Amino acid sequence: DFSCLDCHGDLEDSEGMLNPDLLPVDCATFCHDDPAATYLDSIHVSLMKDKGYNPPSCKNCHIGLAFHQSTWGNERPMFVPHADSAAHRKMTIETCANCHKEYYAEYKNNYHGQVAALGFTGVEIPTCADCHGSHNILNSSNPDSRMGEQNRIEVCGKCHEGANLNFVRHIEHPRFKDIG
């Protein structure tokens, strides 16, 4: 349980009235330094900087918290679905798809993506974060990447008992058709 004042200390002087001069909140400084540090080492940051782009900020992915509403309506952050809920899992796929349209199109070509597109986004259907991670996404050529050659069996094996080298050679993002 936390209140508005926990993040927006400058609200105190406004006596409960909306202060149009609220200072931006730095979520990493206040509470989330661990995921922020992990994210700063991720491929999102290094690759974007290498290509001359500004990397996504926390708010790009966590819009429900950034604007005090989820994509499902005007809900306070405490009502945003938990990570294992079907609604949150659907939002995860959609959030990644905002920037990764090509990979999303490819995801929809495999079994996981086709089932998710039908609306089944429970824990039995992997989201982008289930395979690639969330704050610690690394290029698959990096040995520490969840999708690195030495880690795929373990990641896939969490859902697919008996996964082996031949199993993980399956292409999860096939490019053979555009199913819109």
N, C-alpha and C. Protein backbone atom coordinates (compact mmCIF):
# COMPACT_ATOMS: atom_id res chain seq x y z
N ASP A 1 0.84 -1.19 0.00
CA ASP A 1 0.00 0.00 0.00
C ASP A 1 0.88 1.24 0.00
N PHE A 2 0.64 2.10 -0.93
CA PHE A 2 1.34 3.37 -0.96
C PHE A 2 0.37 4.43 -1.45
N SER A 3 0.70 5.67 -1.17
CA SER A 3 -0.19 6.76 -1.57
C SER A 3 0.49 7.62 -2.62
N CYS A 4 -0.24 8.55 -3.17
CA CYS A 4 0.29 9.46 -4.18
C CYS A 4 1.53 10.20 -3.66
N LEU A 5 1.48 10.55 -2.37
CA LEU A 5 2.57 11.33 -1.77
C LEU A 5 3.88 10.55 -1.71
N ASP A 6 3.81 9.23 -1.73
CA ASP A 6 5.04 8.44 -1.69
C ASP A 6 5.92 8.73 -2.91
N CYS A 7 5.31 8.99 -4.04
CA CYS A 7 6.07 9.29 -5.26
C CYS A 7 6.05 10.78 -5.59
N HIS A 8 4.94 11.41 -5.32
CA HIS A 8 4.75 12.83 -5.65
C HIS A 8 4.77 13.66 -4.38
N GLY A 9 5.93 13.80 -3.77
CA GLY A 9 6.04 14.58 -2.55
C GLY A 9 5.63 16.03 -2.75
N ASP A 10 5.71 16.51 -3.98
CA ASP A 10 5.34 17.89 -4.24
C ASP A 10 3.83 18.11 -4.24
N LEU A 11 3.06 17.06 -4.04
CA LEU A 11 1.60 17.20 -3.90
C LEU A 11 1.23 17.78 -2.53
N GLU A 12 2.10 17.56 -1.54
CA GLU A 12 1.80 17.98 -0.17
C GLU A 12 1.41 19.44 -0.09
N ASP A 13 2.10 20.28 -0.82
CA ASP A 13 1.85 21.72 -0.75
C ASP A 13 0.57 22.13 -1.45
N SER A 14 0.01 21.25 -2.25
CA SER A 14 -1.18 21.64 -3.02
C SER A 14 -2.48 21.34 -2.27
N GLU A 15 -2.37 20.87 -1.03
CA GLU A 15 -3.54 20.59 -0.19
C GLU A 15 -4.56 19.70 -0.88
N GLY A 16 -4.05 18.70 -1.56
CA GLY A 16 -4.95 17.73 -2.19
C GLY A 16 -5.45 18.14 -3.56
N MET A 17 -5.18 19.34 -3.97
CA MET A 17 -5.60 19.81 -5.29
C MET A 17 -4.57 19.35 -6.32
N LEU A 18 -5.00 19.16 -7.55
CA LEU A 18 -4.07 18.75 -8.59
C LEU A 18 -3.08 19.87 -8.85
N ASN A 19 -1.83 19.58 -8.70
CA ASN A 19 -0.77 20.55 -8.91
C ASN A 19 -0.27 20.41 -10.35
N PRO A 20 -0.51 21.39 -11.22
CA PRO A 20 -0.09 21.26 -12.62
C PRO A 20 1.43 21.28 -12.78
N ASP A 21 2.15 21.64 -11.73
CA ASP A 21 3.60 21.71 -11.80
C ASP A 21 4.27 20.52 -11.12
N LEU A 22 3.62 19.35 -11.14
CA LEU A 22 4.21 18.17 -10.52
C LEU A 22 5.53 17.83 -11.20
N LEU A 23 6.50 17.47 -10.40
CA LEU A 23 7.79 17.07 -10.94
C LEU A 23 7.69 15.64 -11.47
N PRO A 24 8.43 15.33 -12.54
CA PRO A 24 8.41 13.94 -13.02
C PRO A 24 8.96 13.01 -11.94
N VAL A 25 8.42 11.82 -11.89
CA VAL A 25 8.85 10.84 -10.90
C VAL A 25 9.90 9.93 -11.53
N ASP A 26 10.99 9.76 -10.84
CA ASP A 26 12.05 8.86 -11.27
C ASP A 26 11.86 7.55 -10.50
N CYS A 27 11.14 6.61 -11.11
CA CYS A 27 10.79 5.36 -10.45
C CYS A 27 12.02 4.58 -9.98
N ALA A 28 13.08 4.64 -10.78
CA ALA A 28 14.29 3.89 -10.45
C ALA A 28 14.94 4.42 -9.18
N THR A 29 14.98 5.73 -9.04
CA THR A 29 15.60 6.32 -7.85
C THR A 29 14.79 6.02 -6.60
N PHE A 30 13.47 6.06 -6.72
CA PHE A 30 12.62 5.87 -5.55
C PHE A 30 12.59 4.42 -5.07
N CYS A 31 12.24 3.51 -5.94
CA CYS A 31 11.97 2.14 -5.47
C CYS A 31 12.54 1.03 -6.33
N HIS A 32 12.76 1.27 -7.60
CA HIS A 32 13.02 0.18 -8.53
C HIS A 32 14.45 0.20 -9.07
N ASP A 33 15.42 0.34 -8.20
CA ASP A 33 16.80 0.41 -8.67
C ASP A 33 17.32 -0.93 -9.20
N ASP A 34 16.85 -2.05 -8.68
CA ASP A 34 17.32 -3.35 -9.16
C ASP A 34 16.91 -3.62 -10.61
N PRO A 35 15.60 -3.51 -10.94
CA PRO A 35 15.26 -3.74 -12.35
C PRO A 35 15.86 -2.67 -13.26
N ALA A 36 16.02 -1.45 -12.75
CA ALA A 36 16.60 -0.39 -13.58
C ALA A 36 18.04 -0.71 -13.91
N ALA A 37 18.81 -1.17 -12.95
CA ALA A 37 20.21 -1.52 -13.20
C ALA A 37 20.31 -2.67 -14.20
N THR A 38 19.46 -3.66 -14.05
CA THR A 38 19.44 -4.79 -14.97
C THR A 38 19.09 -4.31 -16.37
N TYR A 39 18.09 -3.44 -16.45
CA TYR A 39 17.65 -2.91 -17.75
C TYR A 39 18.76 -2.12 -18.43
N LEU A 40 19.50 -1.35 -17.66
CA LEU A 40 20.57 -0.54 -18.25
C LEU A 40 21.66 -1.38 -18.89
N ASP A 41 21.76 -2.66 -18.49
CA ASP A 41 22.72 -3.59 -19.10
C ASP A 41 22.10 -4.40 -20.24
N SER A 42 20.85 -4.16 -20.54
CA SER A 42 20.14 -4.99 -21.52
C SER A 42 20.41 -4.55 -22.95
N ILE A 43 20.00 -5.39 -23.87
CA ILE A 43 20.16 -5.11 -25.29
C ILE A 43 19.35 -3.88 -25.69
N HIS A 44 18.22 -3.64 -25.03
CA HIS A 44 17.41 -2.46 -25.36
C HIS A 44 18.25 -1.19 -25.27
N VAL A 45 19.01 -1.08 -24.23
CA VAL A 45 19.79 0.14 -24.02
C VAL A 45 21.01 0.17 -24.92
N SER A 46 21.82 -0.88 -24.90
CA SER A 46 23.08 -0.85 -25.66
C SER A 46 22.84 -0.79 -27.17
N LEU A 47 21.92 -1.57 -27.68
CA LEU A 47 21.66 -1.59 -29.11
C LEU A 47 21.07 -0.26 -29.58
N MET A 48 20.14 0.27 -28.82
CA MET A 48 19.53 1.54 -29.20
C MET A 48 20.57 2.66 -29.21
N LYS A 49 21.40 2.69 -28.19
CA LYS A 49 22.44 3.73 -28.12
C LYS A 49 23.44 3.56 -29.27
N ASP A 50 23.81 2.31 -29.58
CA ASP A 50 24.73 2.05 -30.69
C ASP A 50 24.17 2.57 -32.01
N LYS A 51 22.86 2.51 -32.15
CA LYS A 51 22.22 2.94 -33.40
C LYS A 51 21.79 4.41 -33.37
N GLY A 52 22.12 5.11 -32.26
CA GLY A 52 21.81 6.53 -32.17
C GLY A 52 20.39 6.86 -31.75
N TYR A 53 19.69 5.91 -31.15
CA TYR A 53 18.33 6.14 -30.68
C TYR A 53 18.30 6.27 -29.16
N ASN A 54 17.30 6.95 -28.67
CA ASN A 54 17.08 6.97 -27.23
C ASN A 54 16.41 5.66 -26.84
N PRO A 55 16.94 4.95 -25.88
CA PRO A 55 16.31 3.68 -25.48
C PRO A 55 14.97 3.94 -24.79
N PRO A 56 14.08 2.96 -24.81
CA PRO A 56 12.80 3.11 -24.12
C PRO A 56 13.02 3.37 -22.64
N SER A 57 12.17 4.20 -22.07
CA SER A 57 12.23 4.43 -20.63
C SER A 57 11.27 3.46 -19.95
N CYS A 58 11.28 3.44 -18.65
CA CYS A 58 10.38 2.57 -17.89
C CYS A 58 8.93 2.79 -18.34
N LYS A 59 8.59 4.06 -18.56
CA LYS A 59 7.21 4.41 -18.89
C LYS A 59 6.77 3.87 -20.24
N ASN A 60 7.72 3.61 -21.16
CA ASN A 60 7.33 3.06 -22.45
C ASN A 60 6.68 1.69 -22.32
N CYS A 61 7.14 0.90 -21.37
CA CYS A 61 6.59 -0.45 -21.17
C CYS A 61 5.58 -0.51 -20.04
N HIS A 62 5.78 0.32 -19.04
CA HIS A 62 4.92 0.29 -17.86
C HIS A 62 3.96 1.47 -17.87
N ILE A 63 3.25 1.63 -18.99
CA ILE A 63 2.37 2.78 -19.15
C ILE A 63 1.25 2.80 -18.12
N GLY A 64 0.79 1.65 -17.66
CA GLY A 64 -0.27 1.63 -16.65
C GLY A 64 0.15 2.35 -15.39
N LEU A 65 1.41 2.19 -15.01
CA LEU A 65 1.90 2.87 -13.81
C LEU A 65 2.27 4.31 -14.11
N ALA A 66 2.76 4.56 -15.32
CA ALA A 66 3.22 5.90 -15.65
C ALA A 66 2.07 6.91 -15.69
N PHE A 67 0.93 6.50 -16.11
CA PHE A 67 -0.18 7.43 -16.26
C PHE A 67 -1.36 7.08 -15.36
N HIS A 68 -1.12 6.24 -14.36
CA HIS A 68 -2.15 5.88 -13.39
C HIS A 68 -3.38 5.25 -14.05
N GLN A 69 -3.15 4.57 -15.14
CA GLN A 69 -4.24 3.82 -15.74
C GLN A 69 -3.64 2.68 -16.56
N SER A 70 -4.42 1.66 -16.71
CA SER A 70 -3.94 0.57 -17.55
C SER A 70 -4.56 0.76 -18.93
N THR A 71 -4.14 -0.05 -19.86
CA THR A 71 -4.72 0.03 -21.20
C THR A 71 -6.16 -0.48 -21.19
N TRP A 72 -6.59 -0.99 -20.05
CA TRP A 72 -7.95 -1.52 -19.93
C TRP A 72 -8.91 -0.51 -19.32
N GLY A 73 -8.51 0.74 -19.18
CA GLY A 73 -9.41 1.75 -18.64
C GLY A 73 -8.74 2.58 -17.58
N ASN A 74 -9.49 3.45 -16.99
CA ASN A 74 -8.95 4.37 -15.99
C ASN A 74 -8.85 3.69 -14.64
N GLU A 75 -7.79 2.93 -14.45
CA GLU A 75 -7.60 2.20 -13.20
C GLU A 75 -6.33 2.68 -12.52
N ARG A 76 -6.34 2.74 -11.23
CA ARG A 76 -5.15 3.09 -10.46
C ARG A 76 -4.15 1.93 -10.55
N PRO A 77 -2.86 2.20 -10.34
CA PRO A 77 -1.85 1.14 -10.47
C PRO A 77 -2.14 -0.09 -9.62
N MET A 78 -2.76 0.10 -8.46
CA MET A 78 -3.02 -1.06 -7.61
C MET A 78 -3.99 -2.04 -8.25
N PHE A 79 -4.71 -1.60 -9.29
CA PHE A 79 -5.67 -2.48 -9.95
C PHE A 79 -5.14 -3.06 -11.26
N VAL A 80 -3.92 -2.67 -11.64
CA VAL A 80 -3.32 -3.24 -12.84
C VAL A 80 -3.10 -4.73 -12.57
N PRO A 81 -3.48 -5.59 -13.50
CA PRO A 81 -3.39 -7.04 -13.25
C PRO A 81 -1.98 -7.50 -12.90
N HIS A 82 -1.90 -8.55 -12.10
CA HIS A 82 -0.62 -9.14 -11.71
C HIS A 82 0.00 -9.87 -12.89
N ALA A 83 1.30 -10.06 -12.83
CA ALA A 83 2.07 -10.61 -13.95
C ALA A 83 1.57 -11.97 -14.43
N ASP A 84 0.98 -12.77 -13.56
CA ASP A 84 0.53 -14.09 -13.99
C ASP A 84 -0.93 -14.10 -14.45
N SER A 85 -1.59 -12.95 -14.47
CA SER A 85 -2.98 -12.91 -14.94
C SER A 85 -3.01 -12.86 -16.47
N ALA A 86 -4.05 -13.39 -17.05
CA ALA A 86 -4.19 -13.41 -18.51
C ALA A 86 -4.20 -11.99 -19.07
N ALA A 87 -4.82 -11.05 -18.37
CA ALA A 87 -4.87 -9.67 -18.85
C ALA A 87 -3.48 -9.05 -18.91
N HIS A 88 -2.68 -9.26 -17.87
CA HIS A 88 -1.32 -8.72 -17.86
C HIS A 88 -0.48 -9.37 -18.94
N ARG A 89 -0.63 -10.65 -19.12
CA ARG A 89 0.15 -11.37 -20.12
C ARG A 89 -0.20 -10.87 -21.52
N LYS A 90 -1.48 -10.59 -21.76
CA LYS A 90 -1.90 -10.03 -23.05
C LYS A 90 -1.29 -8.65 -23.24
N MET A 91 -1.29 -7.83 -22.18
CA MET A 91 -0.68 -6.50 -22.27
C MET A 91 0.82 -6.60 -22.54
N THR A 92 1.49 -7.62 -21.99
CA THR A 92 2.92 -7.79 -22.23
C THR A 92 3.18 -8.02 -23.71
N ILE A 93 2.42 -8.91 -24.32
CA ILE A 93 2.59 -9.20 -25.75
C ILE A 93 2.34 -7.93 -26.57
N GLU A 94 1.27 -7.21 -26.25
CA GLU A 94 0.92 -5.99 -26.99
C GLU A 94 1.98 -4.90 -26.80
N THR A 95 2.52 -4.80 -25.60
CA THR A 95 3.53 -3.78 -25.32
C THR A 95 4.80 -4.06 -26.14
N CYS A 96 5.24 -5.30 -26.15
CA CYS A 96 6.42 -5.65 -26.94
C CYS A 96 6.15 -5.42 -28.43
N ALA A 97 4.93 -5.74 -28.87
CA ALA A 97 4.56 -5.60 -30.27
C ALA A 97 4.57 -4.14 -30.73
N ASN A 98 4.40 -3.20 -29.80
CA ASN A 98 4.42 -1.79 -30.19
C ASN A 98 5.72 -1.41 -30.88
N CYS A 99 6.83 -1.95 -30.43
CA CYS A 99 8.13 -1.64 -31.03
C CYS A 99 8.64 -2.75 -31.93
N HIS A 100 8.25 -3.97 -31.66
CA HIS A 100 8.79 -5.13 -32.37
C HIS A 100 7.73 -5.74 -33.28
N LYS A 101 7.24 -4.94 -34.21
CA LYS A 101 6.15 -5.37 -35.10
C LYS A 101 6.52 -6.60 -35.93
N GLU A 102 7.75 -6.62 -36.44
CA GLU A 102 8.19 -7.75 -37.26
C GLU A 102 8.22 -9.04 -36.44
N TYR A 103 8.78 -8.97 -35.24
CA TYR A 103 8.84 -10.16 -34.39
C TYR A 103 7.44 -10.57 -33.95
N TYR A 104 6.56 -9.61 -33.74
CA TYR A 104 5.18 -9.94 -33.37
C TYR A 104 4.49 -10.67 -34.52
N ALA A 105 4.69 -10.21 -35.74
CA ALA A 105 4.10 -10.89 -36.89
C ALA A 105 4.62 -12.33 -36.98
N GLU A 106 5.92 -12.50 -36.71
CA GLU A 106 6.50 -13.83 -36.73
C GLU A 106 5.98 -14.69 -35.58
N TYR A 107 5.81 -14.09 -34.41
CA TYR A 107 5.26 -14.79 -33.24
C TYR A 107 3.87 -15.34 -33.57
N LYS A 108 3.08 -14.54 -34.29
CA LYS A 108 1.72 -14.98 -34.65
C LYS A 108 1.73 -16.13 -35.63
N ASN A 109 2.89 -16.44 -36.24
CA ASN A 109 2.99 -17.56 -37.17
C ASN A 109 3.28 -18.88 -36.46
N ASN A 110 3.59 -18.83 -35.17
CA ASN A 110 3.85 -20.09 -34.48
C ASN A 110 2.67 -20.46 -33.60
N TYR A 111 2.73 -21.63 -33.05
CA TYR A 111 1.63 -22.13 -32.22
C TYR A 111 1.33 -21.21 -31.05
N HIS A 112 2.36 -20.78 -30.34
CA HIS A 112 2.14 -19.93 -29.16
C HIS A 112 1.40 -18.66 -29.54
N GLY A 113 1.87 -18.00 -30.59
CA GLY A 113 1.26 -16.75 -31.01
C GLY A 113 -0.15 -16.91 -31.54
N GLN A 114 -0.40 -18.01 -32.23
CA GLN A 114 -1.75 -18.25 -32.76
C GLN A 114 -2.74 -18.46 -31.62
N VAL A 115 -2.34 -19.19 -30.60
CA VAL A 115 -3.23 -19.41 -29.46
C VAL A 115 -3.45 -18.11 -28.69
N ALA A 116 -2.38 -17.32 -28.52
CA ALA A 116 -2.51 -16.03 -27.83
C ALA A 116 -3.43 -15.10 -28.62
N ALA A 117 -3.33 -15.11 -29.94
CA ALA A 117 -4.18 -14.26 -30.78
C ALA A 117 -5.66 -14.63 -30.64
N LEU A 118 -5.92 -15.88 -30.28
CA LEU A 118 -7.31 -16.31 -30.04
C LEU A 118 -7.82 -15.87 -28.67
N GLY A 119 -6.94 -15.27 -27.87
CA GLY A 119 -7.34 -14.76 -26.56
C GLY A 119 -6.93 -15.62 -25.39
N PHE A 120 -6.21 -16.69 -25.63
CA PHE A 120 -5.75 -17.55 -24.54
C PHE A 120 -4.35 -17.13 -24.13
N THR A 121 -4.26 -16.34 -23.06
CA THR A 121 -2.97 -15.80 -22.63
C THR A 121 -2.65 -16.17 -21.19
N GLY A 122 -3.12 -17.31 -20.76
CA GLY A 122 -2.79 -17.79 -19.43
C GLY A 122 -1.34 -18.22 -19.36
N VAL A 123 -0.91 -18.69 -18.20
CA VAL A 123 0.49 -19.03 -17.99
C VAL A 123 0.97 -20.19 -18.86
N GLU A 124 0.06 -20.94 -19.45
CA GLU A 124 0.47 -22.05 -20.30
C GLU A 124 0.90 -21.59 -21.70
N ILE A 125 0.66 -20.33 -22.06
CA ILE A 125 1.08 -19.78 -23.34
C ILE A 125 2.15 -18.73 -23.08
N PRO A 126 3.35 -18.90 -23.61
CA PRO A 126 4.43 -17.95 -23.29
C PRO A 126 4.25 -16.59 -23.95
N THR A 127 4.58 -15.57 -23.19
CA THR A 127 4.65 -14.21 -23.73
C THR A 127 6.11 -13.95 -24.11
N CYS A 128 6.35 -12.81 -24.67
CA CYS A 128 7.72 -12.44 -25.05
C CYS A 128 8.65 -12.53 -23.84
N ALA A 129 8.18 -12.01 -22.70
CA ALA A 129 9.02 -11.97 -21.49
C ALA A 129 9.32 -13.37 -20.95
N ASP A 130 8.42 -14.32 -21.15
CA ASP A 130 8.66 -15.67 -20.66
C ASP A 130 9.89 -16.30 -21.32
N CYS A 131 10.10 -16.00 -22.58
CA CYS A 131 11.24 -16.57 -23.29
C CYS A 131 12.46 -15.65 -23.29
N HIS A 132 12.23 -14.36 -23.50
CA HIS A 132 13.33 -13.43 -23.67
C HIS A 132 13.73 -12.69 -22.41
N GLY A 133 12.89 -12.72 -21.37
CA GLY A 133 13.13 -11.95 -20.17
C GLY A 133 12.40 -10.62 -20.25
N SER A 134 12.55 -9.81 -19.22
CA SER A 134 11.87 -8.52 -19.25
C SER A 134 12.89 -7.38 -19.16
N HIS A 135 13.50 -7.19 -18.05
CA HIS A 135 14.45 -6.10 -17.90
C HIS A 135 15.83 -6.49 -18.39
N ASN A 136 16.11 -7.76 -18.47
CA ASN A 136 17.46 -8.25 -18.78
C ASN A 136 17.56 -8.88 -20.16
N ILE A 137 16.90 -8.31 -21.14
CA ILE A 137 16.92 -8.89 -22.48
C ILE A 137 18.29 -8.66 -23.11
N LEU A 138 18.88 -9.75 -23.57
CA LEU A 138 20.20 -9.71 -24.21
C LEU A 138 20.10 -10.33 -25.59
N ASN A 139 20.98 -9.95 -26.48
CA ASN A 139 21.02 -10.53 -27.80
C ASN A 139 21.30 -12.02 -27.68
N SER A 140 20.68 -12.82 -28.51
CA SER A 140 20.84 -14.28 -28.41
C SER A 140 22.28 -14.72 -28.64
N SER A 141 23.12 -13.86 -29.23
CA SER A 141 24.53 -14.20 -29.40
C SER A 141 25.31 -14.05 -28.09
N ASN A 142 24.72 -13.38 -27.10
CA ASN A 142 25.35 -13.21 -25.79
C ASN A 142 25.17 -14.51 -24.99
N PRO A 143 26.24 -15.10 -24.46
CA PRO A 143 26.12 -16.35 -23.72
C PRO A 143 25.20 -16.27 -22.51
N ASP A 144 24.98 -15.06 -21.96
CA ASP A 144 24.10 -14.89 -20.80
C ASP A 144 22.64 -14.72 -21.18
N SER A 145 22.34 -14.62 -22.47
CA SER A 145 20.97 -14.43 -22.93
C SER A 145 20.12 -15.67 -22.64
N ARG A 146 18.87 -15.44 -22.26
CA ARG A 146 17.95 -16.57 -22.06
C ARG A 146 17.77 -17.36 -23.35
N MET A 147 17.89 -16.69 -24.49
CA MET A 147 17.76 -17.36 -25.78
C MET A 147 19.11 -17.69 -26.38
N GLY A 148 20.17 -17.54 -25.59
CA GLY A 148 21.49 -17.97 -26.03
C GLY A 148 21.50 -19.48 -26.22
N GLU A 149 22.36 -19.93 -27.08
CA GLU A 149 22.39 -21.36 -27.45
C GLU A 149 22.46 -22.29 -26.24
N GLN A 150 23.24 -21.92 -25.22
CA GLN A 150 23.39 -22.79 -24.06
C GLN A 150 22.23 -22.71 -23.07
N ASN A 151 21.35 -21.75 -23.23
CA ASN A 151 20.25 -21.58 -22.26
C ASN A 151 18.87 -21.94 -22.79
N ARG A 152 18.73 -22.12 -24.08
CA ARG A 152 17.42 -22.39 -24.67
C ARG A 152 16.76 -23.66 -24.14
N ILE A 153 17.54 -24.70 -23.95
CA ILE A 153 16.96 -25.95 -23.47
C ILE A 153 16.32 -25.74 -22.11
N GLU A 154 17.00 -25.02 -21.24
CA GLU A 154 16.45 -24.75 -19.90
C GLU A 154 15.18 -23.89 -20.00
N VAL A 155 15.21 -22.84 -20.81
CA VAL A 155 14.05 -21.94 -20.93
C VAL A 155 12.86 -22.70 -21.52
N CYS A 156 13.07 -23.40 -22.61
CA CYS A 156 11.97 -24.16 -23.24
C CYS A 156 11.53 -25.31 -22.35
N GLY A 157 12.47 -25.90 -21.63
CA GLY A 157 12.18 -27.03 -20.76
C GLY A 157 11.27 -26.70 -19.60
N LYS A 158 11.13 -25.42 -19.26
CA LYS A 158 10.21 -25.04 -18.18
C LYS A 158 8.78 -25.40 -18.53
N CYS A 159 8.45 -25.36 -19.81
CA CYS A 159 7.10 -25.73 -20.26
C CYS A 159 7.08 -27.05 -21.02
N HIS A 160 8.16 -27.33 -21.71
CA HIS A 160 8.23 -28.52 -22.56
C HIS A 160 9.20 -29.53 -21.95
N GLU A 161 8.64 -30.39 -21.10
CA GLU A 161 9.46 -31.40 -20.44
C GLU A 161 10.16 -32.26 -21.50
N GLY A 162 11.43 -32.48 -21.29
CA GLY A 162 12.19 -33.30 -22.23
C GLY A 162 12.75 -32.52 -23.41
N ALA A 163 12.63 -31.19 -23.37
CA ALA A 163 13.20 -30.39 -24.46
C ALA A 163 14.68 -30.72 -24.60
N ASN A 164 15.12 -30.85 -25.84
CA ASN A 164 16.52 -31.16 -26.11
C ASN A 164 17.04 -30.25 -27.22
N LEU A 165 18.25 -30.50 -27.67
CA LEU A 165 18.87 -29.65 -28.68
C LEU A 165 18.04 -29.61 -29.97
N ASN A 166 17.53 -30.75 -30.41
CA ASN A 166 16.70 -30.77 -31.61
C ASN A 166 15.42 -29.96 -31.42
N PHE A 167 14.83 -30.05 -30.24
CA PHE A 167 13.60 -29.31 -29.96
C PHE A 167 13.84 -27.80 -30.04
N VAL A 168 14.92 -27.32 -29.45
CA VAL A 168 15.14 -25.87 -29.40
C VAL A 168 15.65 -25.30 -30.72
N ARG A 169 15.95 -26.15 -31.67
CA ARG A 169 16.32 -25.68 -33.01
C ARG A 169 15.09 -25.23 -33.79
N HIS A 170 13.92 -25.57 -33.31
CA HIS A 170 12.67 -25.13 -33.93
C HIS A 170 12.65 -23.61 -33.97
N ILE A 171 12.24 -23.05 -35.06
CA ILE A 171 12.20 -21.59 -35.21
C ILE A 171 10.88 -21.07 -34.65
N GLU A 172 10.97 -20.31 -33.58
CA GLU A 172 9.76 -19.78 -32.93
C GLU A 172 9.22 -18.53 -33.59
N HIS A 173 10.01 -17.91 -34.44
CA HIS A 173 9.56 -16.70 -35.13
C HIS A 173 9.65 -16.93 -36.64
N PRO A 174 8.86 -17.86 -37.19
CA PRO A 174 8.94 -18.16 -38.62
C PRO A 174 8.45 -16.98 -39.46
N ARG A 175 9.06 -16.80 -40.61
CA ARG A 175 8.74 -15.66 -41.48
C ARG A 175 8.03 -16.10 -42.76
N PHE A 176 7.24 -17.15 -42.72
CA PHE A 176 6.72 -17.68 -43.97
C PHE A 176 5.42 -17.07 -44.46
N LYS A 177 4.68 -16.35 -43.63
CA LYS A 177 3.44 -15.73 -44.08
C LYS A 177 3.07 -14.58 -43.17
N ASP A 178 2.29 -13.66 -43.69
CA ASP A 178 1.81 -12.55 -42.88
C ASP A 178 0.34 -12.79 -42.61
N ILE A 179 0.00 -13.11 -41.35
CA ILE A 179 -1.40 -13.42 -41.04
C ILE A 179 -2.09 -12.22 -40.41
N GLY A 180 -1.48 -11.03 -40.56
CA GLY A 180 -2.10 -9.78 -40.12
C GLY A 180 -2.34 -9.72 -38.73
